[in-house]
Amino acid sequence: MKHNISVEGIKVYAFHGCLEEEAKIGGHYQVDVHVETDFTKAMNNDSLDDTIDYVGVNKIVQEEMAIRSKLIESVGQRIITQLKSKKRNAKYRVLIRKISPPINGDVDSVSISINEF
């Protein structure tokens, strides 16, 4: 059976980007993590050990977002790699939004999505 778990709107202040200014002053990001898994066992035994721990997902996102990268594409892949190291029998989708990116124009955000489903 397939089930979905989402942890959405994880807010992070980080220092990603190709510009020197981004490395110095940073910016706001939001990360969504979606997981496709089977949590039938957890539904039946009410055990956190048999499902996705939201606290663990948030911790991985916070840790990986704290490592400076030029590209949020790289950060997204690191997040998925770490998530898979904790729970292999699941598929992941990670969306990273860079809020108010420093580009020439009035843009709310730019984003990347890595989708294993």
N, C-alpha and C. Protein backbone atom coordinates (compact mmCIF):
# COMPACT_ATOMS: atom_id res chain seq x y z
N MET A 1 0.84 -1.17 0.00
CA MET A 1 0.00 0.00 0.00
C MET A 1 0.89 1.24 0.00
N LYS A 2 0.43 2.29 -0.68
CA LYS A 2 1.18 3.54 -0.72
C LYS A 2 0.51 4.58 0.17
N HIS A 3 1.33 5.26 0.94
CA HIS A 3 0.87 6.36 1.79
C HIS A 3 1.80 7.54 1.57
N ASN A 4 1.31 8.72 1.88
CA ASN A 4 2.10 9.94 1.72
C ASN A 4 2.18 10.70 3.02
N ILE A 5 3.35 11.23 3.27
CA ILE A 5 3.59 12.10 4.41
C ILE A 5 4.27 13.35 3.86
N SER A 6 3.83 14.52 4.33
CA SER A 6 4.43 15.78 3.89
C SER A 6 4.83 16.62 5.09
N VAL A 7 6.00 17.22 4.98
CA VAL A 7 6.45 18.24 5.93
C VAL A 7 6.70 19.47 5.06
N GLU A 8 5.84 20.47 5.22
CA GLU A 8 5.85 21.60 4.29
C GLU A 8 6.15 22.92 4.99
N GLY A 9 6.77 23.80 4.24
CA GLY A 9 7.03 25.15 4.73
C GLY A 9 8.11 25.21 5.79
N ILE A 10 9.11 24.34 5.70
CA ILE A 10 10.24 24.41 6.64
C ILE A 10 11.00 25.69 6.32
N LYS A 11 11.04 26.60 7.26
CA LYS A 11 11.66 27.91 7.03
C LYS A 11 13.12 27.89 7.49
N VAL A 12 13.99 28.38 6.61
CA VAL A 12 15.42 28.35 6.86
C VAL A 12 16.04 29.65 6.37
N TYR A 13 17.00 30.15 7.11
CA TYR A 13 17.83 31.25 6.63
C TYR A 13 19.18 30.63 6.29
N ALA A 14 19.61 30.78 5.02
CA ALA A 14 20.83 30.12 4.57
C ALA A 14 21.61 31.02 3.61
N PHE A 15 22.77 30.55 3.21
CA PHE A 15 23.73 31.36 2.46
C PHE A 15 24.08 30.74 1.12
N HIS A 16 23.08 30.30 0.37
CA HIS A 16 23.30 29.67 -0.93
C HIS A 16 23.25 30.69 -2.05
N GLY A 17 23.98 30.43 -3.10
CA GLY A 17 23.93 31.27 -4.28
C GLY A 17 25.31 31.47 -4.89
N CYS A 18 25.30 31.90 -6.13
CA CYS A 18 26.54 32.11 -6.87
C CYS A 18 27.17 33.47 -6.61
N LEU A 19 26.40 34.40 -6.08
CA LEU A 19 26.91 35.75 -5.84
C LEU A 19 27.61 35.84 -4.48
N GLU A 20 28.67 36.63 -4.42
CA GLU A 20 29.39 36.82 -3.16
C GLU A 20 28.48 37.40 -2.08
N GLU A 21 27.57 38.29 -2.49
CA GLU A 21 26.65 38.91 -1.53
C GLU A 21 25.78 37.85 -0.85
N GLU A 22 25.38 36.83 -1.59
CA GLU A 22 24.54 35.78 -1.02
C GLU A 22 25.29 35.00 0.05
N ALA A 23 26.58 34.83 -0.15
CA ALA A 23 27.41 34.14 0.84
C ALA A 23 27.56 34.97 2.11
N LYS A 24 27.49 36.28 1.97
CA LYS A 24 27.68 37.17 3.13
C LYS A 24 26.38 37.46 3.87
N ILE A 25 25.33 37.79 3.11
CA ILE A 25 24.11 38.23 3.78
C ILE A 25 23.02 37.16 3.85
N GLY A 26 23.10 36.13 3.01
CA GLY A 26 22.13 35.04 3.06
C GLY A 26 20.75 35.43 2.58
N GLY A 27 19.83 34.52 2.77
CA GLY A 27 18.46 34.76 2.34
C GLY A 27 17.50 33.75 2.94
N HIS A 28 16.23 33.99 2.72
CA HIS A 28 15.17 33.13 3.25
C HIS A 28 14.82 32.02 2.25
N TYR A 29 14.57 30.85 2.79
CA TYR A 29 14.20 29.68 2.00
C TYR A 29 13.05 28.97 2.67
N GLN A 30 12.28 28.24 1.85
CA GLN A 30 11.27 27.33 2.37
C GLN A 30 11.46 25.99 1.69
N VAL A 31 11.36 24.94 2.47
CA VAL A 31 11.57 23.59 1.95
C VAL A 31 10.34 22.74 2.26
N ASP A 32 9.90 22.00 1.25
CA ASP A 32 8.83 21.02 1.42
C ASP A 32 9.41 19.64 1.15
N VAL A 33 9.07 18.68 2.00
CA VAL A 33 9.49 17.30 1.81
C VAL A 33 8.23 16.43 1.77
N HIS A 34 8.11 15.66 0.70
CA HIS A 34 6.99 14.73 0.54
C HIS A 34 7.58 13.33 0.46
N VAL A 35 6.95 12.41 1.16
CA VAL A 35 7.44 11.04 1.24
C VAL A 35 6.32 10.09 0.82
N GLU A 36 6.66 9.17 -0.07
CA GLU A 36 5.74 8.09 -0.43
C GLU A 36 6.29 6.82 0.21
N THR A 37 5.50 6.19 1.05
CA THR A 37 5.95 5.03 1.80
C THR A 37 4.75 4.14 2.12
N ASP A 38 4.98 3.12 2.87
CA ASP A 38 3.91 2.27 3.38
C ASP A 38 3.96 2.32 4.91
N PHE A 39 3.00 3.00 5.52
CA PHE A 39 3.01 3.06 6.98
C PHE A 39 1.88 2.25 7.60
N THR A 40 1.50 1.17 6.92
CA THR A 40 0.47 0.27 7.44
C THR A 40 0.84 -0.24 8.83
N LYS A 41 2.07 -0.68 8.99
CA LYS A 41 2.52 -1.21 10.27
C LYS A 41 2.37 -0.16 11.38
N ALA A 42 2.76 1.08 11.09
CA ALA A 42 2.64 2.15 12.08
C ALA A 42 1.18 2.44 12.42
N MET A 43 0.30 2.36 11.43
CA MET A 43 -1.12 2.59 11.69
C MET A 43 -1.66 1.54 12.66
N ASN A 44 -1.16 0.33 12.53
CA ASN A 44 -1.68 -0.77 13.34
C ASN A 44 -1.05 -0.86 14.72
N ASN A 45 0.22 -0.48 14.85
CA ASN A 45 0.88 -0.61 16.16
C ASN A 45 1.15 0.72 16.85
N ASP A 46 0.82 1.84 16.19
CA ASP A 46 0.97 3.17 16.77
C ASP A 46 2.40 3.45 17.22
N SER A 47 3.37 3.00 16.39
CA SER A 47 4.78 3.16 16.73
C SER A 47 5.49 4.09 15.75
N LEU A 48 6.16 5.08 16.28
CA LEU A 48 6.92 6.02 15.46
C LEU A 48 8.04 5.33 14.70
N ASP A 49 8.55 4.24 15.23
CA ASP A 49 9.64 3.52 14.58
C ASP A 49 9.26 2.97 13.21
N ASP A 50 7.97 2.85 12.94
CA ASP A 50 7.50 2.24 11.70
C ASP A 50 6.95 3.26 10.70
N THR A 51 7.30 4.52 10.88
CA THR A 51 6.86 5.56 9.96
C THR A 51 7.96 6.61 9.82
N ILE A 52 7.62 7.73 9.23
CA ILE A 52 8.56 8.83 9.03
C ILE A 52 8.45 9.77 10.22
N ASP A 53 9.58 10.06 10.84
CA ASP A 53 9.64 10.98 11.98
C ASP A 53 9.78 12.41 11.46
N TYR A 54 8.75 13.24 11.65
CA TYR A 54 8.77 14.62 11.15
C TYR A 54 9.93 15.41 11.73
N VAL A 55 10.24 15.15 12.99
CA VAL A 55 11.36 15.84 13.65
C VAL A 55 12.66 15.51 12.93
N GLY A 56 12.83 14.25 12.56
CA GLY A 56 14.03 13.84 11.83
C GLY A 56 14.12 14.48 10.46
N VAL A 57 12.99 14.59 9.77
CA VAL A 57 12.96 15.24 8.46
C VAL A 57 13.40 16.69 8.60
N ASN A 58 12.82 17.41 9.55
CA ASN A 58 13.18 18.81 9.78
C ASN A 58 14.66 18.94 10.11
N LYS A 59 15.18 18.05 10.93
CA LYS A 59 16.59 18.10 11.33
C LYS A 59 17.50 17.94 10.11
N ILE A 60 17.20 16.98 9.26
CA ILE A 60 18.01 16.78 8.05
C ILE A 60 17.98 18.02 7.17
N VAL A 61 16.81 18.59 6.96
CA VAL A 61 16.70 19.80 6.14
C VAL A 61 17.53 20.92 6.74
N GLN A 62 17.40 21.15 8.05
CA GLN A 62 18.15 22.23 8.70
C GLN A 62 19.66 22.01 8.56
N GLU A 63 20.12 20.78 8.77
CA GLU A 63 21.56 20.48 8.69
C GLU A 63 22.10 20.67 7.27
N GLU A 64 21.38 20.19 6.29
CA GLU A 64 21.87 20.29 4.90
C GLU A 64 21.77 21.72 4.38
N MET A 65 20.74 22.44 4.78
CA MET A 65 20.63 23.84 4.36
C MET A 65 21.72 24.70 4.99
N ALA A 66 22.28 24.27 6.10
CA ALA A 66 23.35 25.03 6.77
C ALA A 66 24.70 24.91 6.06
N ILE A 67 24.82 23.94 5.15
CA ILE A 67 26.07 23.77 4.40
C ILE A 67 25.98 24.61 3.13
N ARG A 68 26.83 25.62 3.03
CA ARG A 68 26.76 26.55 1.90
C ARG A 68 27.01 25.83 0.58
N SER A 69 26.17 26.18 -0.40
CA SER A 69 26.33 25.70 -1.76
C SER A 69 26.02 26.83 -2.72
N LYS A 70 26.61 26.77 -3.88
CA LYS A 70 26.27 27.75 -4.91
C LYS A 70 24.88 27.47 -5.47
N LEU A 71 24.52 26.19 -5.58
CA LEU A 71 23.26 25.81 -6.21
C LEU A 71 22.33 25.09 -5.23
N ILE A 72 21.07 25.52 -5.23
CA ILE A 72 20.10 24.82 -4.37
C ILE A 72 19.81 23.42 -4.93
N GLU A 73 20.15 23.18 -6.18
CA GLU A 73 20.03 21.84 -6.74
C GLU A 73 20.90 20.86 -5.95
N SER A 74 22.10 21.30 -5.61
CA SER A 74 23.02 20.46 -4.83
C SER A 74 22.47 20.21 -3.43
N VAL A 75 21.90 21.23 -2.83
CA VAL A 75 21.34 21.10 -1.49
C VAL A 75 20.18 20.10 -1.52
N GLY A 76 19.32 20.21 -2.52
CA GLY A 76 18.19 19.29 -2.64
C GLY A 76 18.64 17.84 -2.74
N GLN A 77 19.69 17.60 -3.51
CA GLN A 77 20.19 16.22 -3.64
C GLN A 77 20.77 15.72 -2.32
N ARG A 78 21.47 16.58 -1.59
CA ARG A 78 22.00 16.19 -0.28
C ARG A 78 20.87 15.84 0.69
N ILE A 79 19.80 16.61 0.65
CA ILE A 79 18.65 16.34 1.53
C ILE A 79 18.08 14.96 1.21
N ILE A 80 17.86 14.67 -0.06
CA ILE A 80 17.31 13.36 -0.44
C ILE A 80 18.26 12.24 -0.04
N THR A 81 19.54 12.42 -0.25
CA THR A 81 20.52 11.39 0.12
C THR A 81 20.46 11.09 1.61
N GLN A 82 20.37 12.13 2.44
CA GLN A 82 20.29 11.93 3.89
C GLN A 82 18.97 11.29 4.30
N LEU A 83 17.88 11.70 3.69
CA LEU A 83 16.58 11.10 4.00
C LEU A 83 16.60 9.61 3.67
N LYS A 84 17.16 9.25 2.52
CA LYS A 84 17.21 7.84 2.11
C LYS A 84 18.11 7.02 3.03
N SER A 85 19.11 7.67 3.62
CA SER A 85 19.98 6.92 4.54
C SER A 85 19.23 6.53 5.82
N LYS A 86 18.17 7.24 6.15
CA LYS A 86 17.37 6.94 7.34
C LYS A 86 16.23 5.97 7.05
N LYS A 87 15.63 6.08 5.87
CA LYS A 87 14.49 5.22 5.52
C LYS A 87 14.58 4.91 4.03
N ARG A 88 15.13 3.77 3.72
CA ARG A 88 15.38 3.39 2.32
C ARG A 88 14.12 2.98 1.56
N ASN A 89 13.17 2.39 2.25
CA ASN A 89 11.98 1.89 1.55
C ASN A 89 10.92 2.98 1.40
N ALA A 90 11.35 4.13 0.92
CA ALA A 90 10.46 5.26 0.68
C ALA A 90 10.98 6.02 -0.54
N LYS A 91 10.08 6.78 -1.15
CA LYS A 91 10.46 7.68 -2.25
C LYS A 91 10.22 9.10 -1.78
N TYR A 92 11.05 10.01 -2.26
CA TYR A 92 11.02 11.37 -1.75
C TYR A 92 10.85 12.39 -2.86
N ARG A 93 10.23 13.51 -2.48
CA ARG A 93 10.20 14.71 -3.32
C ARG A 93 10.59 15.87 -2.43
N VAL A 94 11.57 16.64 -2.88
CA VAL A 94 12.03 17.80 -2.13
C VAL A 94 11.88 19.02 -3.02
N LEU A 95 11.26 20.05 -2.47
CA LEU A 95 11.10 21.33 -3.16
C LEU A 95 11.78 22.38 -2.30
N ILE A 96 12.70 23.13 -2.90
CA ILE A 96 13.37 24.23 -2.20
C ILE A 96 13.00 25.53 -2.90
N ARG A 97 12.45 26.47 -2.15
CA ARG A 97 12.10 27.80 -2.64
C ARG A 97 13.05 28.83 -2.08
N LYS A 98 13.65 29.59 -2.96
CA LYS A 98 14.50 30.72 -2.55
C LYS A 98 13.62 31.96 -2.62
N ILE A 99 13.35 32.55 -1.47
CA ILE A 99 12.42 33.68 -1.39
C ILE A 99 13.14 34.99 -1.77
N SER A 100 12.50 35.80 -2.58
CA SER A 100 13.05 37.09 -3.03
C SER A 100 14.48 36.95 -3.54
N PRO A 101 14.70 36.18 -4.59
CA PRO A 101 16.06 35.98 -5.09
C PRO A 101 16.63 37.27 -5.66
N PRO A 102 17.95 37.43 -5.57
CA PRO A 102 18.58 38.66 -6.07
C PRO A 102 18.76 38.61 -7.59
N ILE A 103 17.64 38.72 -8.30
CA ILE A 103 17.71 38.76 -9.76
C ILE A 103 17.08 40.07 -10.21
N ASN A 104 17.36 40.44 -11.42
CA ASN A 104 16.90 41.72 -11.94
C ASN A 104 15.42 41.61 -12.31
N GLY A 105 14.56 41.83 -11.32
CA GLY A 105 13.12 41.76 -11.55
C GLY A 105 12.38 41.57 -10.25
N ASP A 106 11.07 41.73 -10.31
CA ASP A 106 10.22 41.57 -9.14
C ASP A 106 9.72 40.12 -9.12
N VAL A 107 10.42 39.26 -8.37
CA VAL A 107 10.13 37.84 -8.35
C VAL A 107 9.92 37.40 -6.90
N ASP A 108 8.82 36.71 -6.63
CA ASP A 108 8.56 36.22 -5.28
C ASP A 108 9.56 35.14 -4.87
N SER A 109 9.80 34.18 -5.76
CA SER A 109 10.70 33.08 -5.42
C SER A 109 11.13 32.35 -6.68
N VAL A 110 12.19 31.59 -6.52
CA VAL A 110 12.60 30.60 -7.52
C VAL A 110 12.66 29.27 -6.78
N SER A 111 12.52 28.17 -7.49
CA SER A 111 12.51 26.89 -6.79
C SER A 111 13.09 25.78 -7.64
N ILE A 112 13.50 24.72 -6.94
CA ILE A 112 13.88 23.48 -7.60
C ILE A 112 13.09 22.36 -6.95
N SER A 113 12.85 21.31 -7.70
CA SER A 113 12.16 20.17 -7.17
C SER A 113 12.89 18.91 -7.65
N ILE A 114 13.13 18.00 -6.74
CA ILE A 114 13.68 16.70 -7.07
C ILE A 114 12.61 15.68 -6.67
N ASN A 115 12.19 14.89 -7.64
CA ASN A 115 11.04 14.03 -7.44
C ASN A 115 11.39 12.59 -7.79
N GLU A 116 11.30 11.69 -6.81
CA GLU A 116 11.54 10.27 -7.07
C GLU A 116 10.27 9.50 -7.38
N PHE A 117 9.09 10.12 -7.24
CA PHE A 117 7.84 9.38 -7.50
C PHE A 117 7.64 9.29 -9.01
